[in-house]
Amino acid sequence: MRKVVAFAHMSLDGFAASDTGMGLEWTAHGYSPDLAEFHDRHIRADVGSTVYGRKTFEGMRDHWSTIPDNPEATAHDLEHAAWVTQVDKLVFSTTLEEPGWNNTRVIGKDAAARIAELKAEDGGALVIYGSPTLVHWFADAGLIDEYRLVIHPITIGAGTPLFPAKFETKLTLLETKSFDSGAVYVRYAVA
C-alpha cells in the first residue's frame, strides 16, 4: 500500500505559494546547501511518484527541463533535474492534454478513484510537490497520510495557504530538523 504525502515549502505565516511568478520565489531566502542535501538524500528517499496540479507542473517542467543546458547550473541543480526528469510524474488537470515532459501521466477524470487504485499498488510514496490547491482537494477528501513541510523564516503576507479554510486535522510528529538558513523541516503523520 502506497502512502500519499504532501510536501511543501511554507512561509511562517502559513502560505505555500505567493501570488508572484511561480509562487515559490520567496523560498530562496531559506534554501541552503544543507537543506538541499537533506531534501535530496532524505525527504525524497521514498518517492515513487511525484504528484502535481497543472500550474505547479508547468512551472516545474519549464524550469527543470532547461537546467541541463544552463552553463550556470550547479551540480545540485543538475542532479535534481536528472532525478525529476526520470521520476514517475502524475498531473491532475482537466485542461492539460500533452504534458511535454518525460514519464508524465495526466489524470483528468475520476481523480479519487485513480488515487485509490494508485494507493493500492506496491511502490514508493505518492508525493504531492507544492500544488497547494491540489493539497486542499486531497486533504478535504481524506487522502493525505503524511505532511512533510519546510517552514521558512519569512512571512509573505498573502498567497495560497497550505491548508484549506476551516480544515481541521490531528497530526502526530514524526521528525524535525533545522537548517543553517533558519528553515525547519517537520514531518507529521495524519493521526
N, C-alpha and C. Protein backbone atom coordinates (compact mmCIF):
# COMPACT_ATOMS: atom_id res chain seq x y z
N MET A 1 0.85 -1.18 0.00
CA MET A 1 0.00 0.00 0.00
C MET A 1 0.89 1.24 0.00
N ARG A 2 0.65 2.14 -0.93
CA ARG A 2 1.42 3.37 -1.02
C ARG A 2 0.77 4.46 -0.18
N LYS A 3 1.59 5.34 0.38
CA LYS A 3 1.01 6.45 1.13
C LYS A 3 1.05 7.71 0.27
N VAL A 4 0.15 8.64 0.60
CA VAL A 4 0.12 9.94 -0.06
C VAL A 4 0.74 10.95 0.89
N VAL A 5 1.72 11.66 0.39
CA VAL A 5 2.46 12.64 1.18
C VAL A 5 2.31 14.01 0.53
N ALA A 6 2.03 15.02 1.33
CA ALA A 6 2.06 16.40 0.85
C ALA A 6 3.40 16.98 1.27
N PHE A 7 4.23 17.34 0.30
CA PHE A 7 5.50 18.01 0.59
C PHE A 7 5.37 19.45 0.12
N ALA A 8 5.66 20.37 1.03
CA ALA A 8 5.54 21.79 0.66
C ALA A 8 6.54 22.64 1.42
N HIS A 9 6.92 23.71 0.77
CA HIS A 9 7.62 24.79 1.45
C HIS A 9 6.52 25.72 1.96
N MET A 10 6.68 26.21 3.17
CA MET A 10 5.64 27.04 3.77
C MET A 10 6.28 28.24 4.45
N SER A 11 5.66 29.40 4.27
CA SER A 11 6.13 30.59 4.97
C SER A 11 5.67 30.49 6.43
N LEU A 12 6.30 31.27 7.28
CA LEU A 12 5.95 31.24 8.69
C LEU A 12 4.49 31.63 8.91
N ASP A 13 3.93 32.43 7.99
CA ASP A 13 2.52 32.81 8.13
C ASP A 13 1.58 31.86 7.37
N GLY A 14 2.07 30.67 7.00
CA GLY A 14 1.20 29.60 6.54
C GLY A 14 0.93 29.48 5.05
N PHE A 15 1.64 30.25 4.23
CA PHE A 15 1.40 30.19 2.79
C PHE A 15 2.35 29.23 2.10
N ALA A 16 1.82 28.48 1.15
CA ALA A 16 2.63 27.53 0.38
C ALA A 16 2.99 28.09 -0.99
N ALA A 17 2.35 29.16 -1.39
CA ALA A 17 2.67 29.83 -2.66
C ALA A 17 2.29 31.29 -2.53
N SER A 18 3.12 32.14 -3.15
CA SER A 18 2.80 33.56 -3.18
C SER A 18 1.94 33.83 -4.41
N ASP A 19 1.62 35.08 -4.61
CA ASP A 19 0.85 35.47 -5.80
C ASP A 19 1.77 36.02 -6.88
N THR A 20 3.07 35.73 -6.79
CA THR A 20 4.06 36.28 -7.71
C THR A 20 4.75 35.16 -8.48
N GLY A 21 4.95 35.35 -9.75
CA GLY A 21 5.70 34.40 -10.56
C GLY A 21 5.20 32.98 -10.40
N MET A 22 6.13 32.05 -10.20
CA MET A 22 5.76 30.66 -10.00
C MET A 22 5.21 30.42 -8.59
N GLY A 23 5.36 31.42 -7.73
CA GLY A 23 4.80 31.32 -6.39
C GLY A 23 5.78 30.84 -5.33
N LEU A 24 7.00 30.45 -5.74
CA LEU A 24 7.98 29.92 -4.79
C LEU A 24 9.25 30.75 -4.69
N GLU A 25 9.25 31.92 -5.30
CA GLU A 25 10.45 32.75 -5.30
C GLU A 25 10.94 33.08 -3.89
N TRP A 26 10.03 33.21 -2.96
CA TRP A 26 10.35 33.55 -1.57
C TRP A 26 11.15 32.45 -0.86
N THR A 27 11.16 31.24 -1.39
CA THR A 27 11.87 30.14 -0.72
C THR A 27 13.39 30.28 -0.81
N ALA A 28 13.88 31.10 -1.74
CA ALA A 28 15.33 31.27 -1.90
C ALA A 28 15.96 31.80 -0.61
N HIS A 29 15.22 32.59 0.15
CA HIS A 29 15.74 33.16 1.40
C HIS A 29 16.13 32.07 2.40
N GLY A 30 15.37 30.99 2.45
CA GLY A 30 15.62 29.95 3.43
C GLY A 30 16.23 28.68 2.88
N TYR A 31 16.54 28.69 1.57
CA TYR A 31 17.09 27.48 0.96
C TYR A 31 18.60 27.52 1.08
N SER A 32 19.17 26.53 1.73
CA SER A 32 20.61 26.49 1.97
C SER A 32 21.17 25.16 1.48
N PRO A 33 22.49 25.06 1.31
CA PRO A 33 23.07 23.79 0.84
C PRO A 33 22.72 22.59 1.72
N ASP A 34 22.66 22.79 3.04
CA ASP A 34 22.33 21.65 3.90
C ASP A 34 20.86 21.24 3.73
N LEU A 35 19.97 22.18 3.45
CA LEU A 35 18.58 21.85 3.16
C LEU A 35 18.47 21.10 1.83
N ALA A 36 19.19 21.57 0.82
CA ALA A 36 19.17 20.89 -0.48
C ALA A 36 19.65 19.45 -0.35
N GLU A 37 20.73 19.25 0.39
CA GLU A 37 21.26 17.90 0.60
C GLU A 37 20.26 17.02 1.35
N PHE A 38 19.64 17.57 2.39
CA PHE A 38 18.66 16.83 3.17
C PHE A 38 17.46 16.43 2.30
N HIS A 39 17.00 17.36 1.46
CA HIS A 39 15.89 17.03 0.57
C HIS A 39 16.27 15.88 -0.36
N ASP A 40 17.42 16.00 -1.00
CA ASP A 40 17.81 15.00 -2.00
C ASP A 40 18.07 13.63 -1.40
N ARG A 41 18.64 13.56 -0.22
CA ARG A 41 19.02 12.28 0.36
C ARG A 41 17.99 11.71 1.32
N HIS A 42 17.14 12.58 1.86
CA HIS A 42 16.23 12.11 2.91
C HIS A 42 14.74 12.28 2.53
N ILE A 43 14.34 13.50 2.25
CA ILE A 43 12.92 13.77 2.00
C ILE A 43 12.41 12.99 0.80
N ARG A 44 13.18 12.96 -0.26
CA ARG A 44 12.70 12.28 -1.47
C ARG A 44 13.09 10.81 -1.55
N ALA A 45 13.67 10.27 -0.48
CA ALA A 45 14.18 8.89 -0.49
C ALA A 45 13.12 7.85 -0.84
N ASP A 46 11.88 8.06 -0.43
CA ASP A 46 10.84 7.05 -0.68
C ASP A 46 9.84 7.46 -1.75
N VAL A 47 10.17 8.49 -2.54
CA VAL A 47 9.25 8.96 -3.57
C VAL A 47 9.15 7.92 -4.69
N GLY A 48 7.93 7.47 -4.94
CA GLY A 48 7.68 6.59 -6.07
C GLY A 48 7.14 7.37 -7.26
N SER A 49 6.28 8.34 -6.96
CA SER A 49 5.69 9.20 -7.99
C SER A 49 5.55 10.60 -7.42
N THR A 50 5.87 11.60 -8.25
CA THR A 50 5.58 12.97 -7.86
C THR A 50 4.19 13.31 -8.39
N VAL A 51 3.49 14.14 -7.66
CA VAL A 51 2.11 14.49 -7.99
C VAL A 51 2.02 16.01 -8.03
N TYR A 52 1.40 16.54 -9.08
CA TYR A 52 1.31 17.98 -9.25
C TYR A 52 -0.09 18.38 -9.71
N GLY A 53 -0.45 19.62 -9.41
CA GLY A 53 -1.54 20.29 -10.11
C GLY A 53 -0.94 20.85 -11.40
N ARG A 54 -1.77 21.26 -12.32
CA ARG A 54 -1.28 21.73 -13.62
C ARG A 54 -0.33 22.92 -13.52
N LYS A 55 -0.69 23.93 -12.74
CA LYS A 55 0.12 25.14 -12.67
C LYS A 55 1.52 24.83 -12.12
N THR A 56 1.60 24.09 -11.03
CA THR A 56 2.91 23.74 -10.46
C THR A 56 3.69 22.85 -11.43
N PHE A 57 3.00 21.89 -12.04
CA PHE A 57 3.66 21.02 -13.01
C PHE A 57 4.31 21.82 -14.13
N GLU A 58 3.55 22.74 -14.71
CA GLU A 58 4.08 23.52 -15.83
C GLU A 58 5.27 24.36 -15.40
N GLY A 59 5.22 24.92 -14.20
CA GLY A 59 6.35 25.68 -13.69
C GLY A 59 7.57 24.81 -13.48
N MET A 60 7.36 23.62 -12.90
CA MET A 60 8.47 22.69 -12.67
C MET A 60 9.05 22.22 -14.00
N ARG A 61 8.19 21.82 -14.90
CA ARG A 61 8.65 21.35 -16.22
C ARG A 61 9.45 22.43 -16.93
N ASP A 62 8.91 23.65 -16.96
CA ASP A 62 9.57 24.73 -17.69
C ASP A 62 10.88 25.14 -17.05
N HIS A 63 10.99 24.98 -15.74
CA HIS A 63 12.24 25.31 -15.06
C HIS A 63 13.27 24.19 -15.17
N TRP A 64 12.90 22.99 -14.70
CA TRP A 64 13.89 21.91 -14.60
C TRP A 64 14.33 21.37 -15.95
N SER A 65 13.49 21.47 -16.98
CA SER A 65 13.92 20.96 -18.28
C SER A 65 14.97 21.86 -18.93
N THR A 66 15.15 23.09 -18.45
CA THR A 66 16.19 23.97 -19.00
C THR A 66 17.53 23.84 -18.28
N ILE A 67 17.54 23.24 -17.12
CA ILE A 67 18.76 23.19 -16.29
C ILE A 67 19.93 22.48 -16.97
N PRO A 68 19.73 21.34 -17.64
CA PRO A 68 20.89 20.67 -18.25
C PRO A 68 21.64 21.52 -19.27
N ASP A 69 20.95 22.47 -19.90
CA ASP A 69 21.58 23.34 -20.90
C ASP A 69 22.05 24.67 -20.33
N ASN A 70 21.90 24.87 -19.03
CA ASN A 70 22.27 26.12 -18.39
C ASN A 70 23.72 26.04 -17.91
N PRO A 71 24.63 26.81 -18.49
CA PRO A 71 26.04 26.72 -18.10
C PRO A 71 26.29 27.18 -16.65
N GLU A 72 25.34 27.88 -16.04
CA GLU A 72 25.50 28.34 -14.66
C GLU A 72 24.84 27.40 -13.65
N ALA A 73 24.29 26.29 -14.12
CA ALA A 73 23.64 25.34 -13.21
C ALA A 73 24.65 24.73 -12.27
N THR A 74 24.25 24.57 -11.01
CA THR A 74 25.12 23.95 -10.02
C THR A 74 25.06 22.43 -10.16
N ALA A 75 25.99 21.76 -9.53
CA ALA A 75 25.98 20.29 -9.54
C ALA A 75 24.69 19.78 -8.91
N HIS A 76 24.24 20.43 -7.84
CA HIS A 76 22.98 20.04 -7.20
C HIS A 76 21.81 20.20 -8.16
N ASP A 77 21.74 21.33 -8.86
CA ASP A 77 20.65 21.56 -9.80
C ASP A 77 20.65 20.52 -10.93
N LEU A 78 21.83 20.19 -11.44
CA LEU A 78 21.93 19.18 -12.50
C LEU A 78 21.45 17.82 -12.01
N GLU A 79 21.84 17.45 -10.80
CA GLU A 79 21.43 16.16 -10.24
C GLU A 79 19.92 16.14 -10.01
N HIS A 80 19.37 17.23 -9.47
CA HIS A 80 17.93 17.27 -9.21
C HIS A 80 17.15 17.26 -10.53
N ALA A 81 17.64 17.99 -11.52
CA ALA A 81 16.97 18.00 -12.84
C ALA A 81 16.92 16.60 -13.43
N ALA A 82 18.02 15.85 -13.29
CA ALA A 82 18.03 14.47 -13.81
C ALA A 82 17.03 13.61 -13.06
N TRP A 83 16.98 13.76 -11.73
CA TRP A 83 16.03 12.98 -10.93
C TRP A 83 14.59 13.30 -11.30
N VAL A 84 14.25 14.58 -11.33
CA VAL A 84 12.85 14.97 -11.56
C VAL A 84 12.42 14.64 -12.99
N THR A 85 13.35 14.59 -13.92
CA THR A 85 13.01 14.21 -15.29
C THR A 85 12.68 12.72 -15.36
N GLN A 86 13.40 11.90 -14.59
CA GLN A 86 13.21 10.45 -14.65
C GLN A 86 12.09 9.91 -13.77
N VAL A 87 11.78 10.59 -12.67
CA VAL A 87 10.78 10.07 -11.74
C VAL A 87 9.40 10.02 -12.41
N ASP A 88 8.58 9.09 -11.99
CA ASP A 88 7.19 8.99 -12.46
C ASP A 88 6.44 10.23 -11.98
N LYS A 89 5.75 10.91 -12.91
CA LYS A 89 5.04 12.14 -12.58
C LYS A 89 3.55 12.00 -12.92
N LEU A 90 2.71 12.45 -11.99
CA LEU A 90 1.26 12.47 -12.20
C LEU A 90 0.80 13.91 -12.14
N VAL A 91 0.00 14.33 -13.12
CA VAL A 91 -0.52 15.69 -13.13
C VAL A 91 -2.05 15.61 -13.11
N PHE A 92 -2.64 16.28 -12.13
CA PHE A 92 -4.09 16.35 -12.06
C PHE A 92 -4.54 17.60 -12.78
N SER A 93 -5.22 17.40 -13.91
CA SER A 93 -5.67 18.54 -14.72
C SER A 93 -6.77 18.10 -15.65
N THR A 94 -7.75 18.97 -15.82
CA THR A 94 -8.81 18.71 -16.80
C THR A 94 -8.55 19.49 -18.08
N THR A 95 -7.47 20.29 -18.12
CA THR A 95 -7.18 21.10 -19.31
C THR A 95 -5.88 20.69 -20.01
N LEU A 96 -4.95 20.10 -19.31
CA LEU A 96 -3.66 19.72 -19.91
C LEU A 96 -3.85 18.43 -20.70
N GLU A 97 -3.51 18.48 -21.97
CA GLU A 97 -3.66 17.29 -22.80
C GLU A 97 -2.32 16.61 -23.07
N GLU A 98 -1.31 17.40 -23.38
CA GLU A 98 0.00 16.84 -23.69
C GLU A 98 1.00 17.42 -22.69
N PRO A 99 1.51 16.59 -21.76
CA PRO A 99 2.37 17.13 -20.71
C PRO A 99 3.72 17.65 -21.19
N GLY A 100 4.31 17.03 -22.20
CA GLY A 100 5.57 17.52 -22.73
C GLY A 100 6.75 17.34 -21.81
N TRP A 101 6.69 16.30 -20.96
CA TRP A 101 7.82 16.02 -20.07
C TRP A 101 7.88 14.52 -19.85
N ASN A 102 9.07 13.99 -19.85
CA ASN A 102 9.32 12.56 -19.70
C ASN A 102 8.59 11.95 -18.49
N ASN A 103 8.08 10.73 -18.66
CA ASN A 103 7.47 9.94 -17.57
C ASN A 103 6.31 10.65 -16.88
N THR A 104 5.46 11.30 -17.64
CA THR A 104 4.34 12.06 -17.07
C THR A 104 3.01 11.49 -17.56
N ARG A 105 2.10 11.28 -16.60
CA ARG A 105 0.73 10.87 -16.91
C ARG A 105 -0.23 11.95 -16.41
N VAL A 106 -1.24 12.25 -17.21
CA VAL A 106 -2.25 13.24 -16.83
C VAL A 106 -3.48 12.50 -16.33
N ILE A 107 -3.95 12.91 -15.15
CA ILE A 107 -5.19 12.36 -14.59
C ILE A 107 -6.22 13.46 -14.64
N GLY A 108 -7.22 13.28 -15.50
CA GLY A 108 -8.21 14.34 -15.72
C GLY A 108 -9.59 14.01 -15.22
N LYS A 109 -9.89 12.74 -15.13
CA LYS A 109 -11.23 12.33 -14.71
C LYS A 109 -11.11 11.29 -13.61
N ASP A 110 -12.16 11.19 -12.80
CA ASP A 110 -12.23 10.18 -11.75
C ASP A 110 -10.97 10.18 -10.88
N ALA A 111 -10.55 11.37 -10.46
CA ALA A 111 -9.30 11.52 -9.71
C ALA A 111 -9.29 10.70 -8.43
N ALA A 112 -10.37 10.73 -7.67
CA ALA A 112 -10.40 9.99 -6.40
C ALA A 112 -10.26 8.49 -6.63
N ALA A 113 -10.94 7.98 -7.64
CA ALA A 113 -10.85 6.55 -7.96
C ALA A 113 -9.44 6.19 -8.40
N ARG A 114 -8.83 7.06 -9.19
CA ARG A 114 -7.48 6.79 -9.68
C ARG A 114 -6.48 6.78 -8.52
N ILE A 115 -6.63 7.70 -7.56
CA ILE A 115 -5.74 7.72 -6.40
C ILE A 115 -5.92 6.45 -5.57
N ALA A 116 -7.16 6.01 -5.40
CA ALA A 116 -7.41 4.76 -4.66
C ALA A 116 -6.68 3.59 -5.33
N GLU A 117 -6.71 3.54 -6.65
CA GLU A 117 -6.01 2.48 -7.39
C GLU A 117 -4.50 2.58 -7.18
N LEU A 118 -3.97 3.80 -7.28
CA LEU A 118 -2.53 4.01 -7.13
C LEU A 118 -2.06 3.68 -5.71
N LYS A 119 -2.87 4.05 -4.71
CA LYS A 119 -2.51 3.74 -3.32
C LYS A 119 -2.47 2.23 -3.08
N ALA A 120 -3.30 1.48 -3.77
CA ALA A 120 -3.37 0.04 -3.58
C ALA A 120 -2.19 -0.69 -4.23
N GLU A 121 -1.47 -0.01 -5.11
CA GLU A 121 -0.32 -0.62 -5.77
C GLU A 121 0.87 -0.71 -4.81
N ASP A 122 1.84 -1.54 -5.18
CA ASP A 122 3.12 -1.55 -4.49
C ASP A 122 3.96 -0.40 -5.04
N GLY A 123 4.85 0.10 -4.21
CA GLY A 123 5.75 1.15 -4.69
C GLY A 123 5.97 2.22 -3.66
N GLY A 124 6.74 3.21 -4.07
CA GLY A 124 7.07 4.33 -3.19
C GLY A 124 5.89 5.27 -3.01
N ALA A 125 6.12 6.25 -2.18
CA ALA A 125 5.07 7.23 -1.83
C ALA A 125 4.65 8.05 -3.04
N LEU A 126 3.39 8.44 -3.02
CA LEU A 126 2.82 9.39 -3.97
C LEU A 126 2.98 10.76 -3.30
N VAL A 127 3.91 11.57 -3.78
CA VAL A 127 4.26 12.81 -3.09
C VAL A 127 3.79 14.02 -3.90
N ILE A 128 2.86 14.75 -3.30
CA ILE A 128 2.39 15.99 -3.91
C ILE A 128 3.46 17.05 -3.65
N TYR A 129 4.07 17.55 -4.71
CA TYR A 129 5.09 18.59 -4.58
C TYR A 129 4.42 19.95 -4.80
N GLY A 130 4.47 20.79 -3.75
CA GLY A 130 3.84 22.11 -3.86
C GLY A 130 2.35 21.95 -4.10
N SER A 131 1.87 22.57 -5.17
CA SER A 131 0.47 22.40 -5.61
C SER A 131 -0.53 22.56 -4.47
N PRO A 132 -0.54 23.72 -3.78
CA PRO A 132 -1.39 23.85 -2.59
C PRO A 132 -2.88 23.66 -2.85
N THR A 133 -3.40 24.05 -4.01
CA THR A 133 -4.83 23.82 -4.23
C THR A 133 -5.13 22.34 -4.43
N LEU A 134 -4.17 21.59 -4.98
CA LEU A 134 -4.33 20.14 -5.07
C LEU A 134 -4.26 19.52 -3.68
N VAL A 135 -3.37 20.03 -2.83
CA VAL A 135 -3.30 19.57 -1.44
C VAL A 135 -4.64 19.79 -0.76
N HIS A 136 -5.28 20.93 -1.01
CA HIS A 136 -6.59 21.20 -0.43
C HIS A 136 -7.59 20.11 -0.82
N TRP A 137 -7.61 19.76 -2.09
CA TRP A 137 -8.55 18.74 -2.57
C TRP A 137 -8.26 17.40 -1.91
N PHE A 138 -6.98 17.00 -1.89
CA PHE A 138 -6.60 15.74 -1.27
C PHE A 138 -6.94 15.73 0.22
N ALA A 139 -6.66 16.84 0.91
CA ALA A 139 -6.94 16.93 2.35
C ALA A 139 -8.43 16.83 2.62
N ASP A 140 -9.23 17.57 1.86
CA ASP A 140 -10.69 17.51 2.04
C ASP A 140 -11.24 16.11 1.77
N ALA A 141 -10.60 15.39 0.86
CA ALA A 141 -11.05 14.03 0.53
C ALA A 141 -10.48 12.99 1.50
N GLY A 142 -9.67 13.42 2.46
CA GLY A 142 -9.09 12.49 3.44
C GLY A 142 -8.05 11.56 2.85
N LEU A 143 -7.34 12.00 1.83
CA LEU A 143 -6.39 11.14 1.13
C LEU A 143 -4.93 11.32 1.55
N ILE A 144 -4.64 12.31 2.37
CA ILE A 144 -3.25 12.56 2.75
C ILE A 144 -2.90 11.78 4.01
N ASP A 145 -1.80 11.03 3.93
CA ASP A 145 -1.33 10.23 5.05
C ASP A 145 -0.26 10.95 5.86
N GLU A 146 0.47 11.86 5.21
CA GLU A 146 1.63 12.48 5.86
C GLU A 146 1.91 13.84 5.25
N TYR A 147 2.38 14.76 6.09
CA TYR A 147 2.83 16.08 5.64
C TYR A 147 4.33 16.20 5.91
N ARG A 148 5.07 16.63 4.91
CA ARG A 148 6.49 16.94 5.04
C ARG A 148 6.64 18.40 4.66
N LEU A 149 6.95 19.22 5.65
CA LEU A 149 6.95 20.66 5.44
C LEU A 149 8.30 21.27 5.74
N VAL A 150 8.72 22.19 4.91
CA VAL A 150 9.88 23.02 5.20
C VAL A 150 9.32 24.41 5.50
N ILE A 151 9.42 24.81 6.75
CA ILE A 151 8.90 26.10 7.17
C ILE A 151 10.04 27.11 7.09
N HIS A 152 9.85 28.13 6.29
CA HIS A 152 10.89 29.12 6.03
C HIS A 152 10.77 30.30 6.98
N PRO A 153 11.91 30.91 7.33
CA PRO A 153 11.91 32.04 8.24
C PRO A 153 11.55 33.34 7.52
N ILE A 154 10.34 33.38 6.99
CA ILE A 154 9.88 34.54 6.25
C ILE A 154 8.36 34.59 6.31
N THR A 155 7.82 35.78 6.30
CA THR A 155 6.37 35.95 6.12
C THR A 155 6.17 36.61 4.77
N ILE A 156 5.13 36.21 4.05
CA ILE A 156 4.91 36.79 2.72
C ILE A 156 3.59 37.54 2.64
N GLY A 157 2.76 37.47 3.67
CA GLY A 157 1.58 38.32 3.77
C GLY A 157 0.36 37.91 2.98
N ALA A 158 0.54 37.22 1.87
CA ALA A 158 -0.61 36.81 1.05
C ALA A 158 -0.17 35.68 0.14
N GLY A 159 -1.14 34.95 -0.36
CA GLY A 159 -0.85 33.85 -1.27
C GLY A 159 -1.85 32.74 -1.06
N THR A 160 -1.44 31.53 -1.39
CA THR A 160 -2.29 30.35 -1.20
C THR A 160 -1.82 29.62 0.04
N PRO A 161 -2.71 29.49 1.03
CA PRO A 161 -2.30 28.78 2.25
C PRO A 161 -2.13 27.29 1.98
N LEU A 162 -1.33 26.64 2.81
CA LEU A 162 -1.13 25.20 2.65
C LEU A 162 -2.40 24.44 2.98
N PHE A 163 -3.10 24.85 4.03
CA PHE A 163 -4.30 24.14 4.46
C PHE A 163 -5.54 24.90 4.03
N PRO A 164 -6.57 24.18 3.56
CA PRO A 164 -7.78 24.86 3.14
C PRO A 164 -8.49 25.52 4.33
N ALA A 165 -9.27 26.52 4.05
CA ALA A 165 -10.01 27.23 5.09
C ALA A 165 -10.88 26.26 5.89
N LYS A 166 -10.87 26.43 7.19
CA LYS A 166 -11.68 25.67 8.13
C LYS A 166 -11.35 24.17 8.16
N PHE A 167 -10.19 23.80 7.61
CA PHE A 167 -9.78 22.40 7.62
C PHE A 167 -9.22 22.06 8.99
N GLU A 168 -9.68 20.96 9.55
CA GLU A 168 -9.19 20.51 10.84
C GLU A 168 -8.66 19.09 10.73
N THR A 169 -7.51 18.86 11.34
CA THR A 169 -6.94 17.52 11.37
C THR A 169 -5.99 17.42 12.56
N LYS A 170 -5.81 16.22 13.04
CA LYS A 170 -4.85 15.97 14.12
C LYS A 170 -3.64 15.29 13.51
N LEU A 171 -2.46 15.73 13.95
CA LEU A 171 -1.22 15.22 13.39
C LEU A 171 -0.32 14.67 14.49
N THR A 172 0.50 13.71 14.11
CA THR A 172 1.49 13.14 15.02
C THR A 172 2.87 13.47 14.48
N LEU A 173 3.70 14.12 15.31
CA LEU A 173 5.04 14.50 14.88
C LEU A 173 5.91 13.26 14.72
N LEU A 174 6.56 13.14 13.55
CA LEU A 174 7.45 12.03 13.27
C LEU A 174 8.92 12.44 13.26
N GLU A 175 9.17 13.71 12.90
CA GLU A 175 10.56 14.10 12.70
C GLU A 175 10.67 15.62 12.59
N THR A 176 11.82 16.16 13.03
CA THR A 176 12.13 17.58 12.82
C THR A 176 13.62 17.72 12.52
N LYS A 177 13.95 18.80 11.83
CA LYS A 177 15.35 19.13 11.58
C LYS A 177 15.43 20.61 11.25
N SER A 178 16.44 21.28 11.79
CA SER A 178 16.64 22.69 11.44
C SER A 178 17.87 22.82 10.54
N PHE A 179 17.92 23.93 9.80
CA PHE A 179 18.97 24.15 8.81
C PHE A 179 19.69 25.47 9.06
N ASP A 180 20.85 25.62 8.45
CA ASP A 180 21.69 26.80 8.64
C ASP A 180 20.95 28.10 8.32
N SER A 181 20.02 28.07 7.40
CA SER A 181 19.29 29.26 6.98
C SER A 181 18.22 29.69 7.98
N GLY A 182 17.91 28.83 8.94
CA GLY A 182 16.81 29.09 9.86
C GLY A 182 15.53 28.38 9.46
N ALA A 183 15.52 27.72 8.28
CA ALA A 183 14.36 26.93 7.89
C ALA A 183 14.29 25.68 8.78
N VAL A 184 13.09 25.15 8.95
CA VAL A 184 12.86 23.99 9.79
C VAL A 184 12.00 22.98 9.02
N TYR A 185 12.43 21.73 9.05
CA TYR A 185 11.68 20.65 8.43
C TYR A 185 10.87 19.96 9.52
N VAL A 186 9.59 19.72 9.24
CA VAL A 186 8.74 18.94 10.13
C VAL A 186 8.02 17.89 9.31
N ARG A 187 7.90 16.72 9.89
CA ARG A 187 7.20 15.61 9.23
C ARG A 187 6.13 15.11 10.19
N TYR A 188 4.88 15.10 9.72
CA TYR A 188 3.74 14.69 10.52
C TYR A 188 2.97 13.59 9.82
N ALA A 189 2.51 12.62 10.58
CA ALA A 189 1.54 11.65 10.09
C ALA A 189 0.17 12.15 10.46
N VAL A 190 -0.81 11.91 9.60
CA VAL A 190 -2.18 12.24 9.94
C VAL A 190 -2.64 11.22 10.97
N ALA A 191 -3.09 11.72 12.13
CA ALA A 191 -3.43 10.84 13.26
C ALA A 191 -4.71 10.06 12.95
